[in-house]
Amino acid sequence: MAKDYKALARGVPISAQKVRLVIDTIRGKNVVEALNMLQFVSSHAAQPVYKVVRSAMINAEENFSISRNNLYIHKIAADEGRTRKWRRFGARGRFKPWLKRSSHVSVILRERE
């Protein structure tokens, strides 16, 4: 039975759809390789994903003495978080809703056998 090493970021102020574009590039990869890739992705969503993956890797290293070279990304997901509803006033007395979306990013790492 493989042991899971988890990390979670809640309330990231980027929509889940934008975060999923970044997540799809690193799913299933080695952790060190994924972190190197995330440093050069131009999307703003890459920074919180980088932090979560790095946090899970450090949790595995510090708490369970696992080498970072043996870890890979088993599961990674971006779920929708809370949506803040703002409004902007438009013509003819109407208003336009602005939806400021957020997301929850979760990572599960496993050790290669």
N, C-alpha and C. Protein backbone atom coordinates (compact mmCIF):
# COMPACT_ATOMS: atom_id res chain seq x y z
N MET A 1 0.84 -1.18 0.00
CA MET A 1 0.00 0.00 0.00
C MET A 1 0.89 1.25 0.00
N ALA A 2 0.70 2.08 -1.00
CA ALA A 2 1.51 3.29 -1.11
C ALA A 2 0.97 4.37 -0.18
N LYS A 3 1.89 5.13 0.39
CA LYS A 3 1.50 6.21 1.30
C LYS A 3 1.37 7.51 0.51
N ASP A 4 0.35 8.30 0.86
CA ASP A 4 0.10 9.56 0.17
C ASP A 4 0.65 10.71 1.00
N TYR A 5 1.19 11.73 0.30
CA TYR A 5 1.68 12.95 0.93
C TYR A 5 0.89 14.10 0.31
N LYS A 6 0.16 14.84 1.15
CA LYS A 6 -0.83 15.79 0.65
C LYS A 6 -0.47 17.23 1.01
N ALA A 7 -1.01 18.14 0.21
CA ALA A 7 -0.99 19.57 0.52
C ALA A 7 -2.22 20.19 -0.13
N LEU A 8 -2.71 21.26 0.46
CA LEU A 8 -3.94 21.89 -0.01
C LEU A 8 -3.81 23.40 0.12
N ALA A 9 -4.23 24.11 -0.92
CA ALA A 9 -4.30 25.58 -0.87
C ALA A 9 -5.76 25.97 -1.11
N ARG A 10 -6.32 26.69 -0.16
CA ARG A 10 -7.73 27.07 -0.27
C ARG A 10 -7.84 28.57 -0.54
N GLY A 11 -8.84 28.94 -1.36
CA GLY A 11 -9.11 30.34 -1.59
C GLY A 11 -8.10 31.05 -2.47
N VAL A 12 -7.49 30.34 -3.41
CA VAL A 12 -6.56 30.96 -4.34
C VAL A 12 -7.36 31.90 -5.25
N PRO A 13 -6.98 33.18 -5.36
CA PRO A 13 -7.84 34.14 -6.07
C PRO A 13 -7.71 34.09 -7.59
N ILE A 14 -7.71 32.90 -8.15
CA ILE A 14 -7.68 32.68 -9.59
C ILE A 14 -8.75 31.64 -9.89
N SER A 15 -9.43 31.76 -11.02
CA SER A 15 -10.50 30.82 -11.33
C SER A 15 -9.95 29.42 -11.52
N ALA A 16 -10.75 28.44 -11.20
CA ALA A 16 -10.33 27.04 -11.30
C ALA A 16 -10.02 26.66 -12.74
N GLN A 17 -10.72 27.26 -13.69
CA GLN A 17 -10.48 26.96 -15.10
C GLN A 17 -9.06 27.35 -15.52
N LYS A 18 -8.58 28.49 -15.05
CA LYS A 18 -7.22 28.94 -15.38
C LYS A 18 -6.17 28.09 -14.68
N VAL A 19 -6.46 27.67 -13.45
CA VAL A 19 -5.52 26.83 -12.71
C VAL A 19 -5.42 25.46 -13.35
N ARG A 20 -6.53 24.93 -13.86
CA ARG A 20 -6.52 23.61 -14.49
C ARG A 20 -5.63 23.56 -15.73
N LEU A 21 -5.51 24.67 -16.45
CA LEU A 21 -4.62 24.72 -17.61
C LEU A 21 -3.17 24.47 -17.21
N VAL A 22 -2.76 25.02 -16.07
CA VAL A 22 -1.40 24.82 -15.57
C VAL A 22 -1.23 23.42 -15.01
N ILE A 23 -2.25 22.95 -14.29
CA ILE A 23 -2.18 21.64 -13.65
C ILE A 23 -2.03 20.51 -14.67
N ASP A 24 -2.71 20.65 -15.81
CA ASP A 24 -2.67 19.60 -16.82
C ASP A 24 -1.26 19.38 -17.39
N THR A 25 -0.39 20.39 -17.32
CA THR A 25 0.96 20.24 -17.86
C THR A 25 1.87 19.42 -16.94
N ILE A 26 1.55 19.35 -15.64
CA ILE A 26 2.46 18.66 -14.71
C ILE A 26 1.89 17.37 -14.13
N ARG A 27 0.68 17.01 -14.48
CA ARG A 27 0.05 15.81 -13.91
C ARG A 27 0.86 14.56 -14.26
N GLY A 28 1.20 13.75 -13.24
CA GLY A 28 1.90 12.50 -13.44
C GLY A 28 3.41 12.61 -13.53
N LYS A 29 3.96 13.81 -13.46
CA LYS A 29 5.40 14.00 -13.61
C LYS A 29 6.13 13.85 -12.28
N ASN A 30 7.44 13.71 -12.38
CA ASN A 30 8.30 13.71 -11.21
C ASN A 30 8.22 15.09 -10.55
N VAL A 31 8.33 15.16 -9.23
CA VAL A 31 8.13 16.41 -8.51
C VAL A 31 9.20 17.44 -8.88
N VAL A 32 10.45 17.03 -8.95
CA VAL A 32 11.53 17.97 -9.26
C VAL A 32 11.34 18.53 -10.68
N GLU A 33 10.98 17.67 -11.61
CA GLU A 33 10.73 18.09 -12.98
C GLU A 33 9.53 19.04 -13.06
N ALA A 34 8.47 18.75 -12.30
CA ALA A 34 7.28 19.60 -12.31
C ALA A 34 7.59 20.99 -11.75
N LEU A 35 8.37 21.05 -10.67
CA LEU A 35 8.72 22.34 -10.10
C LEU A 35 9.57 23.17 -11.06
N ASN A 36 10.48 22.51 -11.77
CA ASN A 36 11.28 23.22 -12.77
C ASN A 36 10.40 23.76 -13.90
N MET A 37 9.41 22.97 -14.32
CA MET A 37 8.50 23.43 -15.37
C MET A 37 7.68 24.62 -14.92
N LEU A 38 7.20 24.57 -13.67
CA LEU A 38 6.32 25.64 -13.17
C LEU A 38 7.04 26.97 -13.03
N GLN A 39 8.36 26.95 -12.85
CA GLN A 39 9.10 28.20 -12.74
C GLN A 39 9.08 28.99 -14.04
N PHE A 40 8.90 28.32 -15.18
CA PHE A 40 8.99 28.99 -16.46
C PHE A 40 7.64 29.12 -17.17
N VAL A 41 6.55 28.76 -16.50
CA VAL A 41 5.22 28.95 -17.07
C VAL A 41 4.83 30.41 -16.86
N SER A 42 4.32 31.06 -17.90
CA SER A 42 4.05 32.49 -17.82
C SER A 42 2.71 32.82 -17.15
N SER A 43 1.86 31.86 -16.91
CA SER A 43 0.56 32.11 -16.31
C SER A 43 0.69 32.49 -14.83
N HIS A 44 -0.21 33.36 -14.37
CA HIS A 44 -0.21 33.75 -12.96
C HIS A 44 -0.63 32.58 -12.07
N ALA A 45 -1.31 31.61 -12.62
CA ALA A 45 -1.76 30.46 -11.84
C ALA A 45 -0.61 29.53 -11.49
N ALA A 46 0.54 29.69 -12.12
CA ALA A 46 1.67 28.79 -11.87
C ALA A 46 2.25 28.99 -10.47
N GLN A 47 2.21 30.20 -9.93
CA GLN A 47 2.82 30.45 -8.62
C GLN A 47 2.11 29.71 -7.49
N PRO A 48 0.77 29.79 -7.35
CA PRO A 48 0.15 29.02 -6.26
C PRO A 48 0.27 27.52 -6.45
N VAL A 49 0.26 27.03 -7.69
CA VAL A 49 0.43 25.60 -7.94
C VAL A 49 1.84 25.19 -7.52
N TYR A 50 2.83 26.02 -7.85
CA TYR A 50 4.22 25.76 -7.45
C TYR A 50 4.32 25.66 -5.93
N LYS A 51 3.68 26.58 -5.22
CA LYS A 51 3.75 26.59 -3.76
C LYS A 51 3.14 25.33 -3.16
N VAL A 52 2.02 24.87 -3.72
CA VAL A 52 1.34 23.70 -3.16
C VAL A 52 2.17 22.44 -3.41
N VAL A 53 2.70 22.29 -4.62
CA VAL A 53 3.51 21.11 -4.93
C VAL A 53 4.77 21.10 -4.08
N ARG A 54 5.39 22.26 -3.92
CA ARG A 54 6.60 22.35 -3.10
C ARG A 54 6.30 22.04 -1.64
N SER A 55 5.16 22.50 -1.15
CA SER A 55 4.76 22.23 0.22
C SER A 55 4.55 20.73 0.46
N ALA A 56 3.90 20.05 -0.48
CA ALA A 56 3.69 18.61 -0.35
C ALA A 56 5.02 17.88 -0.37
N MET A 57 5.94 18.32 -1.23
CA MET A 57 7.26 17.70 -1.31
C MET A 57 8.02 17.87 0.00
N ILE A 58 7.99 19.06 0.56
CA ILE A 58 8.70 19.32 1.82
C ILE A 58 8.05 18.57 2.98
N ASN A 59 6.71 18.43 2.96
CA ASN A 59 6.05 17.63 3.98
C ASN A 59 6.56 16.19 3.96
N ALA A 60 6.70 15.63 2.76
CA ALA A 60 7.18 14.25 2.64
C ALA A 60 8.63 14.13 3.10
N GLU A 61 9.44 15.13 2.76
CA GLU A 61 10.86 15.09 3.14
C GLU A 61 11.05 15.23 4.65
N GLU A 62 10.42 16.24 5.23
CA GLU A 62 10.65 16.54 6.64
C GLU A 62 9.97 15.55 7.58
N ASN A 63 8.74 15.19 7.27
CA ASN A 63 7.98 14.36 8.20
C ASN A 63 8.22 12.86 8.03
N PHE A 64 8.58 12.43 6.81
CA PHE A 64 8.70 10.99 6.56
C PHE A 64 10.05 10.58 5.99
N SER A 65 10.99 11.51 5.84
CA SER A 65 12.36 11.24 5.34
C SER A 65 12.35 10.56 3.98
N ILE A 66 11.56 11.08 3.06
CA ILE A 66 11.48 10.55 1.70
C ILE A 66 12.31 11.46 0.80
N SER A 67 13.08 10.88 -0.12
CA SER A 67 13.86 11.68 -1.05
C SER A 67 12.95 12.31 -2.10
N ARG A 68 13.23 13.56 -2.43
CA ARG A 68 12.38 14.26 -3.40
C ARG A 68 12.51 13.68 -4.80
N ASN A 69 13.58 12.97 -5.08
CA ASN A 69 13.77 12.37 -6.41
C ASN A 69 12.88 11.16 -6.63
N ASN A 70 12.34 10.57 -5.55
CA ASN A 70 11.49 9.39 -5.67
C ASN A 70 10.00 9.74 -5.73
N LEU A 71 9.64 11.01 -5.58
CA LEU A 71 8.24 11.40 -5.53
C LEU A 71 7.71 11.78 -6.91
N TYR A 72 6.44 11.47 -7.14
CA TYR A 72 5.77 11.92 -8.36
C TYR A 72 4.37 12.41 -7.99
N ILE A 73 3.77 13.17 -8.90
CA ILE A 73 2.45 13.74 -8.65
C ILE A 73 1.41 12.68 -9.01
N HIS A 74 0.79 12.10 -7.99
CA HIS A 74 -0.21 11.05 -8.20
C HIS A 74 -1.54 11.65 -8.60
N LYS A 75 -2.02 12.63 -7.84
CA LYS A 75 -3.27 13.33 -8.16
C LYS A 75 -3.07 14.81 -7.90
N ILE A 76 -3.66 15.61 -8.77
CA ILE A 76 -3.66 17.06 -8.57
C ILE A 76 -4.97 17.58 -9.13
N ALA A 77 -5.62 18.47 -8.38
CA ALA A 77 -6.94 18.94 -8.81
C ALA A 77 -7.13 20.39 -8.39
N ALA A 78 -7.96 21.09 -9.17
CA ALA A 78 -8.36 22.46 -8.85
C ALA A 78 -9.89 22.49 -8.83
N ASP A 79 -10.45 22.70 -7.67
CA ASP A 79 -11.90 22.78 -7.52
C ASP A 79 -12.31 24.23 -7.33
N GLU A 80 -13.55 24.53 -7.64
CA GLU A 80 -14.03 25.89 -7.51
C GLU A 80 -14.20 26.26 -6.04
N GLY A 81 -13.77 27.47 -5.72
CA GLY A 81 -13.94 28.00 -4.38
C GLY A 81 -15.10 28.97 -4.34
N ARG A 82 -15.06 29.91 -3.40
CA ARG A 82 -16.13 30.89 -3.28
C ARG A 82 -16.05 31.90 -4.42
N THR A 83 -17.19 32.43 -4.80
CA THR A 83 -17.26 33.46 -5.82
C THR A 83 -17.74 34.74 -5.16
N ARG A 84 -16.91 35.78 -5.23
CA ARG A 84 -17.32 37.09 -4.71
C ARG A 84 -18.08 37.81 -5.80
N LYS A 85 -19.24 38.34 -5.46
CA LYS A 85 -20.07 38.99 -6.46
C LYS A 85 -19.99 40.50 -6.27
N TRP A 86 -19.46 41.18 -7.28
CA TRP A 86 -19.36 42.63 -7.30
C TRP A 86 -20.27 43.13 -8.40
N ARG A 87 -20.48 44.43 -8.42
CA ARG A 87 -21.29 44.98 -9.50
C ARG A 87 -20.66 46.26 -10.02
N ARG A 88 -20.90 46.48 -11.28
CA ARG A 88 -20.46 47.71 -11.94
C ARG A 88 -21.69 48.30 -12.61
N PHE A 89 -21.87 49.56 -12.43
CA PHE A 89 -23.06 50.19 -12.96
C PHE A 89 -22.91 50.46 -14.45
N GLY A 90 -23.97 50.17 -15.19
CA GLY A 90 -23.95 50.32 -16.64
C GLY A 90 -24.94 51.38 -17.09
N ALA A 91 -25.14 51.43 -18.38
CA ALA A 91 -26.03 52.42 -18.97
C ALA A 91 -27.48 52.13 -18.62
N ARG A 92 -28.30 53.17 -18.65
CA ARG A 92 -29.75 53.10 -18.45
C ARG A 92 -30.13 52.52 -17.08
N GLY A 93 -29.35 52.82 -16.08
CA GLY A 93 -29.68 52.41 -14.73
C GLY A 93 -29.48 50.94 -14.43
N ARG A 94 -28.85 50.22 -15.32
CA ARG A 94 -28.60 48.79 -15.09
C ARG A 94 -27.27 48.61 -14.37
N PHE A 95 -27.03 47.39 -13.93
CA PHE A 95 -25.68 47.10 -13.44
C PHE A 95 -25.23 45.76 -13.97
N LYS A 96 -23.94 45.65 -14.13
CA LYS A 96 -23.31 44.45 -14.68
C LYS A 96 -22.64 43.69 -13.54
N PRO A 97 -22.96 42.42 -13.35
CA PRO A 97 -22.30 41.67 -12.28
C PRO A 97 -20.88 41.28 -12.65
N TRP A 98 -19.97 41.40 -11.70
CA TRP A 98 -18.60 40.91 -11.82
C TRP A 98 -18.47 39.74 -10.88
N LEU A 99 -18.05 38.60 -11.38
CA LEU A 99 -17.87 37.42 -10.55
C LEU A 99 -16.37 37.21 -10.34
N LYS A 100 -15.89 37.41 -9.14
CA LYS A 100 -14.48 37.21 -8.82
C LYS A 100 -14.34 35.80 -8.27
N ARG A 101 -13.86 34.90 -9.09
CA ARG A 101 -13.83 33.48 -8.75
C ARG A 101 -12.54 33.12 -8.01
N SER A 102 -12.62 32.05 -7.21
CA SER A 102 -11.45 31.53 -6.51
C SER A 102 -11.44 30.01 -6.66
N SER A 103 -10.36 29.39 -6.21
CA SER A 103 -10.25 27.94 -6.37
C SER A 103 -9.50 27.33 -5.19
N HIS A 104 -9.66 26.02 -5.06
CA HIS A 104 -8.92 25.23 -4.07
C HIS A 104 -8.04 24.25 -4.85
N VAL A 105 -6.73 24.27 -4.57
CA VAL A 105 -5.79 23.40 -5.26
C VAL A 105 -5.33 22.32 -4.28
N SER A 106 -5.46 21.05 -4.67
CA SER A 106 -5.01 19.95 -3.82
C SER A 106 -4.06 19.05 -4.59
N VAL A 107 -3.02 18.58 -3.88
CA VAL A 107 -1.97 17.75 -4.48
C VAL A 107 -1.77 16.52 -3.63
N ILE A 108 -1.63 15.37 -4.28
CA ILE A 108 -1.28 14.13 -3.59
C ILE A 108 -0.05 13.55 -4.29
N LEU A 109 1.01 13.37 -3.52
CA LEU A 109 2.25 12.80 -4.04
C LEU A 109 2.38 11.37 -3.57
N ARG A 110 3.06 10.57 -4.37
CA ARG A 110 3.39 9.19 -3.98
C ARG A 110 4.83 8.90 -4.32
N GLU A 111 5.35 7.86 -3.69
CA GLU A 111 6.73 7.46 -3.92
C GLU A 111 6.77 6.41 -5.03
N ARG A 112 7.73 6.55 -5.95
CA ARG A 112 7.89 5.57 -7.02
C ARG A 112 8.39 4.24 -6.43
N GLU A 113 7.86 3.16 -6.96
CA GLU A 113 8.26 1.83 -6.43
C GLU A 113 9.30 1.19 -7.31
